[in-house]
PDB file of all heavy atoms in Angstrom:
ATOM      1  N   PHE A   1     160.679 185.306 181.422  1.00  0.00           N
ATOM      2  CA  PHE A   1     160.062 185.924 180.253  1.00  0.00           C
ATOM      3  C   PHE A   1     161.152 186.360 179.274  1.00  0.00           C
ATOM      4  O   PHE A   1     162.243 186.727 179.698  1.00  0.00           O
ATOM      5  CB  PHE A   1     159.241 187.150 180.667  1.00  0.00           C
ATOM      6  CG  PHE A   1     158.084 186.849 181.574  1.00  0.00           C
ATOM      7  CD1 PHE A   1     158.039 187.368 182.862  1.00  0.00           C
ATOM      8  CD2 PHE A   1     157.031 186.061 181.142  1.00  0.00           C
ATOM      9  CE1 PHE A   1     156.960 187.111 183.698  1.00  0.00           C
ATOM     10  CE2 PHE A   1     155.942 185.799 181.978  1.00  0.00           C
ATOM     11  CZ  PHE A   1     155.924 186.324 183.260  1.00  0.00           C
ATOM     12  N   PRO A   2     160.856 186.338 177.983  1.00  0.00           N
ATOM     13  CA  PRO A   2     159.634 185.820 177.341  1.00  0.00           C
ATOM     14  C   PRO A   2     159.763 184.323 177.079  1.00  0.00           C
ATOM     15  O   PRO A   2     160.861 183.769 177.116  1.00  0.00           O
ATOM     16  CB  PRO A   2     159.594 186.601 176.023  1.00  0.00           C
ATOM     17  CG  PRO A   2     161.043 186.787 175.682  1.00  0.00           C
ATOM     18  CD  PRO A   2     161.758 186.960 177.003  1.00  0.00           C
ATOM     19  N   PHE A   3     158.628 183.667 176.783  1.00  0.00           N
ATOM     20  CA  PHE A   3     158.662 182.266 176.383  1.00  0.00           C
ATOM     21  C   PHE A   3     157.485 181.962 175.463  1.00  0.00           C
ATOM     22  O   PHE A   3     156.481 182.682 175.453  1.00  0.00           O
ATOM     23  CB  PHE A   3     158.682 181.317 177.588  1.00  0.00           C
ATOM     24  CG  PHE A   3     157.497 181.446 178.525  1.00  0.00           C
ATOM     25  CD1 PHE A   3     156.315 180.744 178.292  1.00  0.00           C
ATOM     26  CD2 PHE A   3     157.577 182.243 179.665  1.00  0.00           C
ATOM     27  CE1 PHE A   3     155.235 180.838 179.169  1.00  0.00           C
ATOM     28  CE2 PHE A   3     156.503 182.341 180.550  1.00  0.00           C
ATOM     29  CZ  PHE A   3     155.331 181.642 180.304  1.00  0.00           C
ATOM     30  N   LEU A   4     157.635 180.901 174.689  1.00  0.00           N
ATOM     31  CA  LEU A   4     156.564 180.446 173.803  1.00  0.00           C
ATOM     32  C   LEU A   4     155.705 179.456 174.568  1.00  0.00           C
ATOM     33  O   LEU A   4     156.224 178.564 175.247  1.00  0.00           O
ATOM     34  CB  LEU A   4     157.139 179.783 172.553  1.00  0.00           C
ATOM     35  CG  LEU A   4     156.112 179.349 171.488  1.00  0.00           C
ATOM     36  CD1 LEU A   4     155.464 180.565 170.836  1.00  0.00           C
ATOM     37  CD2 LEU A   4     156.770 178.474 170.430  1.00  0.00           C
ATOM     38  N   LEU A   5     154.381 179.617 174.462  1.00  0.00           N
ATOM     39  CA  LEU A   5     153.445 178.772 175.200  1.00  0.00           C
ATOM     40  C   LEU A   5     152.511 178.037 174.247  1.00  0.00           C
ATOM     41  O   LEU A   5     151.935 178.645 173.342  1.00  0.00           O
ATOM     42  CB  LEU A   5     152.608 179.633 176.150  1.00  0.00           C
ATOM     43  CG  LEU A   5     151.391 178.957 176.801  1.00  0.00           C
ATOM     44  CD1 LEU A   5     151.835 177.956 177.862  1.00  0.00           C
ATOM     45  CD2 LEU A   5     150.447 179.999 177.401  1.00  0.00           C
ATOM     46  N   LEU A   6     152.369 176.743 174.471  1.00  0.00           N
ATOM     47  CA  LEU A   6     151.304 175.965 173.832  1.00  0.00           C
ATOM     48  C   LEU A   6     150.338 175.577 174.938  1.00  0.00           C
ATOM     49  O   LEU A   6     150.690 174.826 175.847  1.00  0.00           O
ATOM     50  CB  LEU A   6     151.848 174.714 173.141  1.00  0.00           C
ATOM     51  CG  LEU A   6     150.766 173.754 172.598  1.00  0.00           C
ATOM     52  CD1 LEU A   6     149.972 174.412 171.473  1.00  0.00           C
ATOM     53  CD2 LEU A   6     151.391 172.441 172.127  1.00  0.00           C
ATOM     54  N   LEU A   7     149.130 176.104 174.859  1.00  0.00           N
ATOM     55  CA  LEU A   7     148.096 175.800 175.851  1.00  0.00           C
ATOM     56  C   LEU A   7     147.105 174.828 175.228  1.00  0.00           C
ATOM     57  O   LEU A   7     146.397 175.174 174.277  1.00  0.00           O
ATOM     58  CB  LEU A   7     147.395 177.082 176.277  1.00  0.00           C
ATOM     59  CG  LEU A   7     146.224 176.961 177.261  1.00  0.00           C
ATOM     60  CD1 LEU A   7     146.650 176.238 178.526  1.00  0.00           C
ATOM     61  CD2 LEU A   7     145.676 178.332 177.607  1.00  0.00           C
ATOM     62  N   VAL A   8     147.079 173.607 175.736  1.00  0.00           N
ATOM     63  CA  VAL A   8     146.222 172.573 175.167  1.00  0.00           C
ATOM     64  C   VAL A   8     145.394 171.928 176.273  1.00  0.00           C
ATOM     65  O   VAL A   8     145.925 171.333 177.199  1.00  0.00           O
ATOM     66  CB  VAL A   8     147.046 171.488 174.427  1.00  0.00           C
ATOM     67  CG1 VAL A   8     147.345 171.907 173.000  1.00  0.00           C
ATOM     68  CG2 VAL A   8     148.348 171.164 175.152  1.00  0.00           C
ATOM     69  N   SER A   9     144.076 172.078 176.166  1.00  0.00           N
ATOM     70  CA  SER A   9     143.179 171.552 177.195  1.00  0.00           C
ATOM     71  C   SER A   9     141.870 171.131 176.561  1.00  0.00           C
ATOM     72  O   SER A   9     141.740 171.081 175.336  1.00  0.00           O
ATOM     73  CB  SER A   9     142.936 172.625 178.264  1.00  0.00           C
ATOM     74  OG  SER A   9     142.217 173.715 177.710  1.00  0.00           O
ATOM     75  N   GLY A  10     140.883 170.858 177.421  1.00  0.00           N
ATOM     76  CA  GLY A  10     139.588 170.430 176.912  1.00  0.00           C
ATOM     77  C   GLY A  10     138.860 171.512 176.136  1.00  0.00           C
ATOM     78  O   GLY A  10     138.072 171.224 175.246  1.00  0.00           O
ATOM     79  N   GLY A  11     139.125 172.759 176.472  1.00  0.00           N
ATOM     80  CA  GLY A  11     138.399 173.844 175.821  1.00  0.00           C
ATOM     81  C   GLY A  11     139.261 174.808 175.041  1.00  0.00           C
ATOM     82  O   GLY A  11     138.747 175.732 174.404  1.00  0.00           O
ATOM     83  N   HIS A  12     140.594 174.617 175.078  1.00  0.00           N
ATOM     84  CA  HIS A  12     141.478 175.600 174.465  1.00  0.00           C
ATOM     85  C   HIS A  12     142.647 174.942 173.736  1.00  0.00           C
ATOM     86  O   HIS A  12     143.146 173.903 174.149  1.00  0.00           O
ATOM     87  CB  HIS A  12     142.022 176.559 175.532  1.00  0.00           C
ATOM     88  CG  HIS A  12     140.948 177.232 176.319  1.00  0.00           C
ATOM     89  ND1 HIS A  12     140.282 178.346 175.876  1.00  0.00           N
ATOM     90  CD2 HIS A  12     140.398 176.917 177.522  1.00  0.00           C
ATOM     91  CE1 HIS A  12     139.372 178.707 176.766  1.00  0.00           C
ATOM     92  NE2 HIS A  12     139.421 177.858 177.773  1.00  0.00           N
ATOM     93  N   CYS A  13     143.059 175.577 172.659  1.00  0.00           N
ATOM     94  CA  CYS A  13     144.254 175.157 171.932  1.00  0.00           C
ATOM     95  C   CYS A  13     144.849 176.417 171.306  1.00  0.00           C
ATOM     96  O   CYS A  13     144.322 176.940 170.322  1.00  0.00           O
ATOM     97  CB  CYS A  13     143.906 174.121 170.863  1.00  0.00           C
ATOM     98  SG  CYS A  13     145.351 173.508 169.967  1.00  0.00           S
ATOM     99  N   GLN A  14     145.915 176.931 171.912  1.00  0.00           N
ATOM    100  CA  GLN A  14     146.483 178.209 171.492  1.00  0.00           C
ATOM    101  C   GLN A  14     147.997 178.181 171.568  1.00  0.00           C
ATOM    102  O   GLN A  14     148.577 177.515 172.421  1.00  0.00           O
ATOM    103  CB  GLN A  14     145.981 179.341 172.410  1.00  0.00           C
ATOM    104  CG  GLN A  14     144.483 179.508 172.459  1.00  0.00           C
ATOM    105  CD  GLN A  14     144.048 180.542 173.480  1.00  0.00           C
ATOM    106  OE1 GLN A  14     144.815 180.922 174.363  1.00  0.00           O
ATOM    107  NE2 GLN A  14     142.813 181.018 173.356  1.00  0.00           N
ATOM    108  N   ILE A  15     148.625 178.933 170.666  1.00  0.00           N
ATOM    109  CA  ILE A  15     150.048 179.222 170.749  1.00  0.00           C
ATOM    110  C   ILE A  15     150.179 180.701 171.083  1.00  0.00           C
ATOM    111  O   ILE A  15     149.621 181.553 170.387  1.00  0.00           O
ATOM    112  CB  ILE A  15     150.783 178.904 169.444  1.00  0.00           C
ATOM    113  CG1 ILE A  15     150.716 177.398 169.118  1.00  0.00           C
ATOM    114  CG2 ILE A  15     152.246 179.342 169.532  1.00  0.00           C
ATOM    115  CD1 ILE A  15     151.425 177.021 167.841  1.00  0.00           C
ATOM    116  N   MET A  16     150.894 180.993 172.166  1.00  0.00           N
ATOM    117  CA  MET A  16     151.034 182.373 172.640  1.00  0.00           C
ATOM    118  C   MET A  16     152.507 182.729 172.804  1.00  0.00           C
ATOM    119  O   MET A  16     153.319 181.884 173.183  1.00  0.00           O
ATOM    120  CB  MET A  16     150.341 182.552 174.002  1.00  0.00           C
ATOM    121  CG  MET A  16     148.920 182.073 174.120  1.00  0.00           C
ATOM    122  SD  MET A  16     147.710 183.152 173.364  1.00  0.00           S
ATOM    123  CE  MET A  16     147.952 184.669 174.274  1.00  0.00           C
ATOM    124  N   TRP A  17     152.818 183.996 172.542  1.00  0.00           N
ATOM    125  CA  TRP A  17     154.124 184.535 172.883  1.00  0.00           C
ATOM    126  C   TRP A  17     153.940 185.303 174.184  1.00  0.00           C
ATOM    127  O   TRP A  17     153.215 186.298 174.236  1.00  0.00           O
ATOM    128  CB  TRP A  17     154.627 185.434 171.770  1.00  0.00           C
ATOM    129  CG  TRP A  17     155.982 186.041 171.965  1.00  0.00           C
ATOM    130  CD1 TRP A  17     156.295 187.366 171.900  1.00  0.00           C
ATOM    131  CD2 TRP A  17     157.227 185.360 172.216  1.00  0.00           C
ATOM    132  NE1 TRP A  17     157.638 187.563 172.097  1.00  0.00           N
ATOM    133  CE2 TRP A  17     158.242 186.344 172.293  1.00  0.00           C
ATOM    134  CE3 TRP A  17     157.576 184.025 172.395  1.00  0.00           C
ATOM    135  CZ2 TRP A  17     159.582 186.030 172.539  1.00  0.00           C
ATOM    136  CZ3 TRP A  17     158.913 183.703 172.635  1.00  0.00           C
ATOM    137  CH2 TRP A  17     159.891 184.684 172.706  1.00  0.00           C
ATOM    138  N   VAL A  18     154.535 184.808 175.253  1.00  0.00           N
ATOM    139  CA  VAL A  18     154.349 185.363 176.592  1.00  0.00           C
ATOM    140  C   VAL A  18     155.508 186.299 176.900  1.00  0.00           C
ATOM    141  O   VAL A  18     156.630 185.853 177.147  1.00  0.00           O
ATOM    142  CB  VAL A  18     154.268 184.228 177.633  1.00  0.00           C
ATOM    143  CG1 VAL A  18     154.078 184.801 179.028  1.00  0.00           C
ATOM    144  CG2 VAL A  18     153.132 183.265 177.283  1.00  0.00           C
ATOM    145  N   ARG A  19     155.226 187.600 176.898  1.00  0.00           N
ATOM    146  CA  ARG A  19     156.280 188.594 177.100  1.00  0.00           C
ATOM    147  C   ARG A  19     156.454 188.959 178.575  1.00  0.00           C
ATOM    148  O   ARG A  19     157.579 189.231 179.024  1.00  0.00           O
ATOM    149  CB  ARG A  19     155.961 189.865 176.312  1.00  0.00           C
ATOM    150  CG  ARG A  19     155.992 189.708 174.798  1.00  0.00           C
ATOM    151  CD  ARG A  19     155.945 191.085 174.136  1.00  0.00           C
ATOM    152  NE  ARG A  19     155.991 190.982 172.680  1.00  0.00           N
ATOM    153  CZ  ARG A  19     154.914 190.981 171.900  1.00  0.00           C
ATOM    154  NH1 ARG A  19     153.705 191.057 172.457  1.00  0.00           N
ATOM    155  NH2 ARG A  19     155.026 190.895 170.594  1.00  0.00           N
ATOM    156  N   ASN A  20     155.317 188.999 179.308  1.00  0.00           N
ATOM    157  CA  ASN A  20     155.350 189.457 180.699  1.00  0.00           C
ATOM    158  C   ASN A  20     154.004 189.125 181.330  1.00  0.00           C
ATOM    159  O   ASN A  20     153.115 188.602 180.654  1.00  0.00           O
ATOM    160  CB  ASN A  20     155.613 190.968 180.733  1.00  0.00           C
ATOM    161  CG  ASN A  20     156.060 191.460 182.104  1.00  0.00           C
ATOM    162  OD1 ASN A  20     156.091 190.693 183.060  1.00  0.00           O
ATOM    163  ND2 ASN A  20     156.394 192.734 182.197  1.00  0.00           N
ATOM    164  N   ILE A  21     153.841 189.451 182.594  1.00  0.00           N
ATOM    165  CA  ILE A  21     152.553 189.258 183.253  1.00  0.00           C
ATOM    166  C   ILE A  21     151.495 190.076 182.509  1.00  0.00           C
ATOM    167  O   ILE A  21     151.589 191.291 182.402  1.00  0.00           O
ATOM    168  CB  ILE A  21     152.602 189.714 184.728  1.00  0.00           C
ATOM    169  CG1 ILE A  21     153.708 188.979 185.492  1.00  0.00           C
ATOM    170  CG2 ILE A  21     151.252 189.493 185.394  1.00  0.00           C
ATOM    171  CD1 ILE A  21     153.535 187.495 185.564  1.00  0.00           C
ATOM    172  N   GLY A  22     150.488 189.406 181.964  1.00  0.00           N
ATOM    173  CA  GLY A  22     149.419 190.097 181.258  1.00  0.00           C
ATOM    174  C   GLY A  22     149.762 190.552 179.858  1.00  0.00           C
ATOM    175  O   GLY A  22     148.917 191.151 179.180  1.00  0.00           O
ATOM    176  N   ASN A  23     150.953 190.270 179.378  1.00  0.00           N
ATOM    177  CA  ASN A  23     151.359 190.695 178.036  1.00  0.00           C
ATOM    178  C   ASN A  23     151.498 189.460 177.158  1.00  0.00           C
ATOM    179  O   ASN A  23     152.551 188.821 177.115  1.00  0.00           O
ATOM    180  CB  ASN A  23     152.689 191.459 178.103  1.00  0.00           C
ATOM    181  CG  ASN A  23     153.048 192.111 176.776  1.00  0.00           C
ATOM    182  OD1 ASN A  23     152.595 191.684 175.716  1.00  0.00           O
ATOM    183  ND2 ASN A  23     153.863 193.148 176.830  1.00  0.00           N
ATOM    184  N   TYR A  24     150.403 189.112 176.471  1.00  0.00           N
ATOM    185  CA  TYR A  24     150.339 187.879 175.709  1.00  0.00           C
ATOM    186  C   TYR A  24     149.933 188.159 174.263  1.00  0.00           C
ATOM    187  O   TYR A  24     148.926 188.829 174.022  1.00  0.00           O
ATOM    188  CB  TYR A  24     149.324 186.917 176.333  1.00  0.00           C
ATOM    189  CG  TYR A  24     149.552 186.704 177.804  1.00  0.00           C
ATOM    190  CD1 TYR A  24     148.634 187.179 178.741  1.00  0.00           C
ATOM    191  CD2 TYR A  24     150.690 186.059 178.268  1.00  0.00           C
ATOM    192  CE1 TYR A  24     148.840 187.001 180.098  1.00  0.00           C
ATOM    193  CE2 TYR A  24     150.911 185.881 179.621  1.00  0.00           C
ATOM    194  CZ  TYR A  24     149.989 186.351 180.535  1.00  0.00           C
ATOM    195  OH  TYR A  24     150.209 186.184 181.876  1.00  0.00           O
ATOM    196  N   GLN A  25     150.715 187.633 173.335  1.00  0.00           N
ATOM    197  CA  GLN A  25     150.397 187.784 171.920  1.00  0.00           C
ATOM    198  C   GLN A  25     149.921 186.442 171.373  1.00  0.00           C
ATOM    199  O   GLN A  25     150.660 185.451 171.395  1.00  0.00           O
ATOM    200  CB  GLN A  25     151.618 188.254 171.137  1.00  0.00           C
ATOM    201  CG  GLN A  25     151.357 188.424 169.636  1.00  0.00           C
ATOM    202  CD  GLN A  25     152.610 188.765 168.862  1.00  0.00           C
ATOM    203  OE1 GLN A  25     153.695 188.924 169.440  1.00  0.00           O
ATOM    204  NE2 GLN A  25     152.488 188.878 167.548  1.00  0.00           N
TER     205      GLN A  25
END
């Protein structure tokens, strides 16, 4: 942590800043 996340799936498309467990912007 932290890292930049691109979540791309059948139902989701999001860019998140992942700071920690459960801490997502």
